[in-house]
Amino acid sequence: MVEFKSTLRVDVRTNKPEKFIQHGVIKTLAAFLNSQGGTLLIGVDDNKNIVGLEKDFNSLSKSDKLDEFQKYLDNLLGNSIGNRFHRYLQVEFPEIDEKIICVIRIKTKSGEPVYVTNDAGQEIFYIRRLASTIDLKPSEAFKYMQEHW
């Protein structure tokens, strides 16, 4: 499965960082970890146009934008899903059409369920369906986990 996100944190309509944008990235990665893996391309829009990471880079303050982007992503993952799942992620920053994108590959499901902690401190369980990421109700999540792990 492949998913496309234009940015990690910037709303392309307002050019401002928004939590709901980064939440979309996190829930997709959690769903890949809870399903059968997948690839997330950041800096590529839904029409598969290479837009690059420039909007995210411009929202960061330090001079080494790629390094700061990586640190931001790393902290976001640690705070949202936990540090123990980093080993499942392969992150690369290829340059395509003179634009840098972020490619995150998850080759297999996690060895245990992955929850996303939202701003209210609630844990949410996401899975990947054909072309969408959905959260499961507790009863559905319980059944899914029994069958999946």
N, C-alpha and C. Protein backbone atom coordinates (compact mmCIF):
# COMPACT_ATOMS: atom_id res chain seq x y z
N MET A 1 0.83 -1.18 0.00
CA MET A 1 0.00 0.00 0.00
C MET A 1 0.87 1.24 0.00
N VAL A 2 0.41 2.24 -0.71
CA VAL A 2 1.12 3.51 -0.80
C VAL A 2 0.14 4.63 -0.47
N GLU A 3 0.60 5.56 0.35
CA GLU A 3 -0.20 6.73 0.72
C GLU A 3 0.63 7.98 0.43
N PHE A 4 -0.04 9.04 0.03
CA PHE A 4 0.61 10.30 -0.32
C PHE A 4 0.16 11.41 0.62
N LYS A 5 1.10 12.21 1.07
CA LYS A 5 0.81 13.39 1.88
C LYS A 5 1.64 14.54 1.32
N SER A 6 1.00 15.67 1.10
CA SER A 6 1.71 16.83 0.56
C SER A 6 2.74 17.36 1.53
N THR A 7 2.40 17.34 2.84
CA THR A 7 3.31 17.87 3.85
C THR A 7 3.22 17.03 5.12
N LEU A 8 4.17 17.25 5.99
CA LEU A 8 4.16 16.62 7.31
C LEU A 8 3.31 17.42 8.28
N ARG A 9 3.36 18.76 8.17
CA ARG A 9 2.71 19.58 9.18
C ARG A 9 2.04 20.84 8.68
N VAL A 10 2.28 21.25 7.46
CA VAL A 10 1.75 22.52 6.96
C VAL A 10 0.49 22.29 6.14
N ASP A 11 -0.56 23.05 6.47
CA ASP A 11 -1.78 23.04 5.68
C ASP A 11 -1.50 23.81 4.39
N VAL A 12 -1.61 23.16 3.25
CA VAL A 12 -1.25 23.80 1.98
C VAL A 12 -2.20 24.94 1.62
N ARG A 13 -3.39 24.97 2.21
CA ARG A 13 -4.33 26.06 1.93
C ARG A 13 -3.96 27.34 2.70
N THR A 14 -3.47 27.17 3.93
CA THR A 14 -3.18 28.34 4.76
C THR A 14 -1.68 28.62 4.90
N ASN A 15 -0.85 27.65 4.50
CA ASN A 15 0.61 27.74 4.67
C ASN A 15 1.02 27.85 6.13
N LYS A 16 0.22 27.30 7.03
CA LYS A 16 0.52 27.33 8.46
C LYS A 16 0.58 25.89 8.99
N PRO A 17 1.48 25.64 9.95
CA PRO A 17 1.49 24.32 10.59
C PRO A 17 0.17 24.07 11.33
N GLU A 18 -0.36 22.88 11.15
CA GLU A 18 -1.62 22.50 11.79
C GLU A 18 -1.50 21.09 12.35
N LYS A 19 -2.01 20.89 13.55
CA LYS A 19 -1.92 19.57 14.19
C LYS A 19 -2.67 18.50 13.40
N PHE A 20 -3.79 18.85 12.77
CA PHE A 20 -4.55 17.84 12.04
C PHE A 20 -3.78 17.30 10.84
N ILE A 21 -2.87 18.10 10.28
CA ILE A 21 -2.04 17.63 9.16
C ILE A 21 -1.06 16.57 9.66
N GLN A 22 -0.35 16.87 10.74
CA GLN A 22 0.61 15.88 11.25
C GLN A 22 -0.11 14.67 11.81
N HIS A 23 -1.32 14.84 12.32
CA HIS A 23 -2.09 13.69 12.82
C HIS A 23 -2.40 12.73 11.66
N GLY A 24 -2.67 13.28 10.48
CA GLY A 24 -2.92 12.43 9.31
C GLY A 24 -1.73 11.55 8.97
N VAL A 25 -0.53 12.09 9.12
CA VAL A 25 0.68 11.31 8.87
C VAL A 25 0.83 10.21 9.93
N ILE A 26 0.66 10.59 11.18
CA ILE A 26 0.84 9.64 12.28
C ILE A 26 -0.18 8.51 12.21
N LYS A 27 -1.44 8.83 11.96
CA LYS A 27 -2.44 7.77 11.94
C LYS A 27 -2.21 6.82 10.75
N THR A 28 -1.71 7.35 9.63
CA THR A 28 -1.38 6.48 8.50
C THR A 28 -0.26 5.52 8.85
N LEU A 29 0.79 6.02 9.50
CA LEU A 29 1.91 5.15 9.88
C LEU A 29 1.46 4.11 10.91
N ALA A 30 0.65 4.52 11.87
CA ALA A 30 0.13 3.56 12.86
C ALA A 30 -0.72 2.49 12.17
N ALA A 31 -1.54 2.90 11.22
CA ALA A 31 -2.38 1.94 10.49
C ALA A 31 -1.51 0.95 9.70
N PHE A 32 -0.45 1.44 9.07
CA PHE A 32 0.47 0.54 8.37
C PHE A 32 1.09 -0.45 9.35
N LEU A 33 1.49 0.04 10.52
CA LEU A 33 2.09 -0.84 11.54
C LEU A 33 1.09 -1.87 12.05
N ASN A 34 -0.18 -1.51 12.10
CA ASN A 34 -1.21 -2.42 12.59
C ASN A 34 -1.77 -3.32 11.51
N SER A 35 -1.42 -3.07 10.28
CA SER A 35 -1.94 -3.86 9.17
C SER A 35 -0.81 -4.70 8.58
N GLN A 36 -0.48 -4.50 7.32
CA GLN A 36 0.58 -5.30 6.71
C GLN A 36 1.72 -4.46 6.18
N GLY A 37 1.90 -3.27 6.74
CA GLY A 37 2.95 -2.39 6.27
C GLY A 37 2.45 -1.49 5.17
N GLY A 38 3.37 -0.72 4.60
CA GLY A 38 3.02 0.19 3.52
C GLY A 38 4.10 1.25 3.37
N THR A 39 3.89 2.13 2.41
CA THR A 39 4.85 3.20 2.13
C THR A 39 4.11 4.53 2.15
N LEU A 40 4.66 5.48 2.89
CA LEU A 40 4.12 6.83 2.95
C LEU A 40 5.11 7.76 2.27
N LEU A 41 4.62 8.54 1.32
CA LEU A 41 5.43 9.53 0.62
C LEU A 41 4.97 10.91 1.06
N ILE A 42 5.84 11.66 1.74
CA ILE A 42 5.54 13.02 2.15
C ILE A 42 6.25 13.95 1.17
N GLY A 43 5.48 14.92 0.66
CA GLY A 43 6.01 15.80 -0.38
C GLY A 43 5.49 15.39 -1.75
N VAL A 44 4.47 14.53 -1.74
CA VAL A 44 3.81 14.09 -2.97
C VAL A 44 2.31 14.23 -2.73
N ASP A 45 1.61 14.95 -3.63
CA ASP A 45 0.18 15.15 -3.40
C ASP A 45 -0.64 13.94 -3.86
N ASP A 46 -1.94 14.01 -3.62
CA ASP A 46 -2.82 12.87 -3.94
C ASP A 46 -2.87 12.55 -5.44
N ASN A 47 -2.51 13.51 -6.26
CA ASN A 47 -2.46 13.27 -7.71
C ASN A 47 -1.09 12.78 -8.16
N LYS A 48 -0.25 12.45 -7.17
CA LYS A 48 1.10 11.92 -7.39
C LYS A 48 2.06 12.95 -7.99
N ASN A 49 1.76 14.23 -7.79
CA ASN A 49 2.68 15.30 -8.20
C ASN A 49 3.72 15.49 -7.11
N ILE A 50 4.98 15.61 -7.53
CA ILE A 50 6.07 15.85 -6.58
C ILE A 50 6.01 17.33 -6.18
N VAL A 51 5.68 17.60 -4.92
CA VAL A 51 5.63 18.99 -4.44
C VAL A 51 6.82 19.30 -3.54
N GLY A 52 7.49 18.28 -3.04
CA GLY A 52 8.66 18.47 -2.20
C GLY A 52 8.31 18.86 -0.77
N LEU A 53 9.34 19.04 0.02
CA LEU A 53 9.18 19.35 1.44
C LEU A 53 9.36 20.84 1.73
N GLU A 54 9.35 21.66 0.70
CA GLU A 54 9.65 23.09 0.87
C GLU A 54 8.72 23.78 1.86
N LYS A 55 7.42 23.49 1.81
CA LYS A 55 6.48 24.13 2.75
C LYS A 55 6.82 23.76 4.18
N ASP A 56 7.14 22.50 4.41
CA ASP A 56 7.55 22.08 5.76
C ASP A 56 8.88 22.72 6.13
N PHE A 57 9.83 22.72 5.22
CA PHE A 57 11.14 23.34 5.48
C PHE A 57 10.98 24.81 5.86
N ASN A 58 10.11 25.53 5.15
CA ASN A 58 9.90 26.95 5.42
C ASN A 58 9.26 27.19 6.78
N SER A 59 8.59 26.19 7.33
CA SER A 59 7.95 26.34 8.63
C SER A 59 8.91 26.07 9.79
N LEU A 60 10.13 25.66 9.47
CA LEU A 60 11.13 25.33 10.48
C LEU A 60 12.12 26.48 10.61
N SER A 61 12.69 26.64 11.79
CA SER A 61 13.49 27.84 12.05
C SER A 61 15.00 27.66 11.87
N LYS A 62 15.53 26.47 12.04
CA LYS A 62 16.98 26.29 11.97
C LYS A 62 17.46 26.28 10.53
N SER A 63 18.76 26.48 10.35
CA SER A 63 19.31 26.57 9.00
C SER A 63 19.39 25.22 8.29
N ASP A 64 19.64 24.13 9.04
CA ASP A 64 19.69 22.80 8.42
C ASP A 64 18.27 22.23 8.42
N LYS A 65 17.52 22.58 7.38
CA LYS A 65 16.10 22.23 7.31
C LYS A 65 15.85 20.73 7.29
N LEU A 66 16.65 19.98 6.56
CA LEU A 66 16.45 18.54 6.49
C LEU A 66 16.68 17.90 7.86
N ASP A 67 17.72 18.31 8.55
CA ASP A 67 18.00 17.79 9.88
C ASP A 67 16.86 18.14 10.84
N GLU A 68 16.38 19.37 10.78
CA GLU A 68 15.29 19.77 11.67
C GLU A 68 14.00 19.02 11.34
N PHE A 69 13.75 18.81 10.05
CA PHE A 69 12.59 18.02 9.63
C PHE A 69 12.66 16.62 10.23
N GLN A 70 13.84 15.98 10.11
CA GLN A 70 14.02 14.63 10.65
C GLN A 70 13.79 14.60 12.16
N LYS A 71 14.33 15.60 12.87
CA LYS A 71 14.14 15.66 14.33
C LYS A 71 12.68 15.86 14.68
N TYR A 72 12.00 16.71 13.92
CA TYR A 72 10.59 16.96 14.17
C TYR A 72 9.79 15.67 13.97
N LEU A 73 10.04 14.99 12.87
CA LEU A 73 9.35 13.73 12.59
C LEU A 73 9.65 12.70 13.67
N ASP A 74 10.90 12.61 14.07
CA ASP A 74 11.33 11.66 15.10
C ASP A 74 10.60 11.93 16.42
N ASN A 75 10.55 13.19 16.83
CA ASN A 75 9.86 13.56 18.08
C ASN A 75 8.36 13.33 17.97
N LEU A 76 7.81 13.65 16.83
CA LEU A 76 6.38 13.44 16.61
C LEU A 76 6.02 11.96 16.74
N LEU A 77 6.81 11.12 16.13
CA LEU A 77 6.58 9.67 16.24
C LEU A 77 6.72 9.19 17.67
N GLY A 78 7.78 9.62 18.35
CA GLY A 78 8.00 9.21 19.72
C GLY A 78 6.86 9.62 20.64
N ASN A 79 6.37 10.84 20.46
CA ASN A 79 5.30 11.35 21.32
C ASN A 79 3.93 10.77 20.99
N SER A 80 3.73 10.39 19.74
CA SER A 80 2.41 9.93 19.29
C SER A 80 2.21 8.42 19.37
N ILE A 81 3.23 7.66 19.00
CA ILE A 81 3.07 6.20 19.00
C ILE A 81 4.08 5.48 19.88
N GLY A 82 5.12 6.18 20.31
CA GLY A 82 6.12 5.56 21.18
C GLY A 82 7.41 5.27 20.45
N ASN A 83 8.47 5.18 21.21
CA ASN A 83 9.81 5.00 20.63
C ASN A 83 10.11 3.58 20.16
N ARG A 84 9.42 2.60 20.68
CA ARG A 84 9.78 1.22 20.36
C ARG A 84 9.40 0.79 18.94
N PHE A 85 8.67 1.63 18.21
CA PHE A 85 8.24 1.24 16.87
C PHE A 85 9.13 1.80 15.76
N HIS A 86 10.11 2.60 16.13
CA HIS A 86 11.01 3.19 15.12
C HIS A 86 11.74 2.12 14.32
N ARG A 87 11.99 0.99 14.92
CA ARG A 87 12.75 -0.05 14.22
C ARG A 87 12.02 -0.61 13.00
N TYR A 88 10.72 -0.39 12.91
CA TYR A 88 9.94 -0.87 11.77
C TYR A 88 9.98 0.10 10.59
N LEU A 89 10.46 1.31 10.82
CA LEU A 89 10.43 2.36 9.81
C LEU A 89 11.77 2.50 9.10
N GLN A 90 11.71 2.58 7.80
CA GLN A 90 12.88 2.89 6.98
C GLN A 90 12.60 4.25 6.34
N VAL A 91 13.38 5.25 6.68
CA VAL A 91 13.13 6.62 6.22
C VAL A 91 14.25 7.06 5.28
N GLU A 92 13.85 7.59 4.14
CA GLU A 92 14.80 8.08 3.14
C GLU A 92 14.33 9.44 2.63
N PHE A 93 15.27 10.21 2.08
CA PHE A 93 14.98 11.54 1.55
C PHE A 93 15.55 11.67 0.14
N PRO A 94 14.92 11.02 -0.82
CA PRO A 94 15.43 11.12 -2.19
C PRO A 94 15.08 12.48 -2.81
N GLU A 95 15.88 12.86 -3.80
CA GLU A 95 15.60 14.07 -4.57
C GLU A 95 15.03 13.65 -5.91
N ILE A 96 13.84 14.17 -6.21
CA ILE A 96 13.16 13.86 -7.47
C ILE A 96 12.75 15.18 -8.11
N ASP A 97 13.08 15.36 -9.36
CA ASP A 97 12.77 16.63 -10.06
C ASP A 97 13.26 17.84 -9.26
N GLU A 98 14.46 17.72 -8.70
CA GLU A 98 15.09 18.78 -7.92
C GLU A 98 14.32 19.15 -6.66
N LYS A 99 13.49 18.23 -6.17
CA LYS A 99 12.73 18.44 -4.94
C LYS A 99 12.99 17.26 -4.01
N ILE A 100 13.18 17.56 -2.73
CA ILE A 100 13.38 16.50 -1.74
C ILE A 100 12.02 16.05 -1.22
N ILE A 101 11.83 14.73 -1.16
CA ILE A 101 10.64 14.17 -0.54
C ILE A 101 11.07 13.25 0.59
N CYS A 102 10.13 12.83 1.39
CA CYS A 102 10.38 11.88 2.47
C CYS A 102 9.63 10.59 2.16
N VAL A 103 10.36 9.48 2.16
CA VAL A 103 9.77 8.17 1.92
C VAL A 103 9.91 7.37 3.21
N ILE A 104 8.77 6.94 3.75
CA ILE A 104 8.77 6.11 4.96
C ILE A 104 8.18 4.76 4.58
N ARG A 105 9.02 3.73 4.70
CA ARG A 105 8.58 2.36 4.38
C ARG A 105 8.43 1.56 5.67
N ILE A 106 7.33 0.85 5.74
CA ILE A 106 7.10 -0.10 6.82
C ILE A 106 6.87 -1.43 6.13
N LYS A 107 7.84 -2.35 6.28
CA LYS A 107 7.81 -3.58 5.49
C LYS A 107 6.88 -4.65 6.04
N THR A 108 6.58 -4.56 7.33
CA THR A 108 5.75 -5.59 7.95
C THR A 108 4.97 -4.99 9.09
N LYS A 109 3.96 -5.68 9.53
CA LYS A 109 3.21 -5.18 10.68
C LYS A 109 4.08 -5.23 11.93
N SER A 110 3.70 -4.45 12.90
CA SER A 110 4.38 -4.43 14.18
C SER A 110 4.16 -5.74 14.92
N GLY A 111 5.03 -6.04 15.85
CA GLY A 111 4.88 -7.25 16.66
C GLY A 111 3.79 -7.12 17.71
N GLU A 112 3.24 -5.94 17.86
CA GLU A 112 2.18 -5.68 18.84
C GLU A 112 1.33 -4.53 18.34
N PRO A 113 0.13 -4.35 18.89
CA PRO A 113 -0.72 -3.25 18.46
C PRO A 113 -0.07 -1.88 18.71
N VAL A 114 -0.34 -0.95 17.81
CA VAL A 114 0.17 0.41 17.90
C VAL A 114 -1.02 1.34 18.09
N TYR A 115 -0.93 2.16 19.11
CA TYR A 115 -1.97 3.14 19.39
C TYR A 115 -1.41 4.54 19.16
N VAL A 116 -2.26 5.44 18.70
CA VAL A 116 -1.89 6.85 18.57
C VAL A 116 -2.49 7.58 19.76
N THR A 117 -1.65 8.31 20.47
CA THR A 117 -2.13 9.11 21.58
C THR A 117 -2.46 10.50 21.06
N ASN A 118 -3.71 10.90 21.23
CA ASN A 118 -4.11 12.23 20.75
C ASN A 118 -3.82 13.29 21.81
N ASP A 119 -4.15 14.53 21.50
CA ASP A 119 -3.86 15.64 22.42
C ASP A 119 -4.60 15.52 23.75
N ALA A 120 -5.73 14.81 23.75
CA ALA A 120 -6.50 14.62 24.98
C ALA A 120 -5.98 13.44 25.80
N GLY A 121 -4.92 12.78 25.31
CA GLY A 121 -4.35 11.65 26.03
C GLY A 121 -5.04 10.33 25.75
N GLN A 122 -6.00 10.32 24.82
CA GLN A 122 -6.71 9.09 24.47
C GLN A 122 -5.89 8.28 23.47
N GLU A 123 -5.94 6.96 23.62
CA GLU A 123 -5.27 6.08 22.67
C GLU A 123 -6.27 5.62 21.62
N ILE A 124 -5.89 5.76 20.36
CA ILE A 124 -6.76 5.39 19.25
C ILE A 124 -6.06 4.32 18.43
N PHE A 125 -6.82 3.31 18.02
CA PHE A 125 -6.29 2.20 17.24
C PHE A 125 -6.74 2.34 15.80
N TYR A 126 -5.77 2.45 14.87
CA TYR A 126 -6.06 2.61 13.45
C TYR A 126 -5.61 1.39 12.66
N ILE A 127 -6.34 1.10 11.60
CA ILE A 127 -5.93 0.07 10.64
C ILE A 127 -6.05 0.67 9.24
N ARG A 128 -5.47 -0.04 8.31
CA ARG A 128 -5.54 0.35 6.90
C ARG A 128 -6.52 -0.56 6.21
N ARG A 129 -7.46 0.04 5.48
CA ARG A 129 -8.32 -0.72 4.59
C ARG A 129 -7.81 -0.51 3.18
N LEU A 130 -8.60 -0.80 2.18
CA LEU A 130 -8.13 -0.72 0.80
C LEU A 130 -7.40 0.58 0.49
N ALA A 131 -8.07 1.70 0.66
CA ALA A 131 -7.43 2.98 0.33
C ALA A 131 -7.69 4.02 1.42
N SER A 132 -7.97 3.56 2.62
CA SER A 132 -8.26 4.51 3.69
C SER A 132 -7.74 4.00 5.02
N THR A 133 -7.55 4.96 5.93
CA THR A 133 -7.14 4.67 7.30
C THR A 133 -8.35 4.93 8.18
N ILE A 134 -8.69 3.95 9.01
CA ILE A 134 -9.86 4.11 9.87
C ILE A 134 -9.51 3.75 11.31
N ASP A 135 -10.24 4.35 12.24
CA ASP A 135 -10.08 3.96 13.64
C ASP A 135 -11.19 2.96 13.97
N LEU A 136 -10.84 2.01 14.81
CA LEU A 136 -11.79 0.97 15.20
C LEU A 136 -12.36 1.26 16.58
N LYS A 137 -13.63 0.93 16.74
CA LYS A 137 -14.24 1.00 18.07
C LYS A 137 -13.54 -0.05 18.94
N PRO A 138 -13.56 0.14 20.26
CA PRO A 138 -12.87 -0.83 21.13
C PRO A 138 -13.25 -2.29 20.88
N SER A 139 -14.53 -2.57 20.66
CA SER A 139 -14.93 -3.96 20.42
C SER A 139 -14.36 -4.48 19.11
N GLU A 140 -14.33 -3.63 18.07
CA GLU A 140 -13.75 -4.03 16.79
C GLU A 140 -12.24 -4.21 16.92
N ALA A 141 -11.60 -3.30 17.64
CA ALA A 141 -10.15 -3.37 17.82
C ALA A 141 -9.77 -4.65 18.55
N PHE A 142 -10.53 -4.99 19.58
CA PHE A 142 -10.26 -6.21 20.35
C PHE A 142 -10.32 -7.43 19.44
N LYS A 143 -11.36 -7.54 18.65
CA LYS A 143 -11.53 -8.68 17.73
C LYS A 143 -10.41 -8.69 16.68
N TYR A 144 -10.09 -7.53 16.14
CA TYR A 144 -9.03 -7.42 15.14
C TYR A 144 -7.71 -7.90 15.72
N MET A 145 -7.40 -7.48 16.94
CA MET A 145 -6.14 -7.87 17.58
C MET A 145 -6.08 -9.37 17.84
N GLN A 146 -7.20 -9.93 18.26
CA GLN A 146 -7.24 -11.38 18.48
C GLN A 146 -6.92 -12.14 17.20
N GLU A 147 -7.43 -11.68 16.09
CA GLU A 147 -7.23 -12.36 14.82
C GLU A 147 -5.90 -12.03 14.16
N HIS A 148 -5.35 -10.88 14.49
CA HIS A 148 -4.17 -10.37 13.78
C HIS A 148 -2.85 -10.71 14.48
N TRP A 149 -2.87 -10.85 15.79
CA TRP A 149 -1.62 -11.12 16.51
C TRP A 149 -1.70 -12.45 17.21
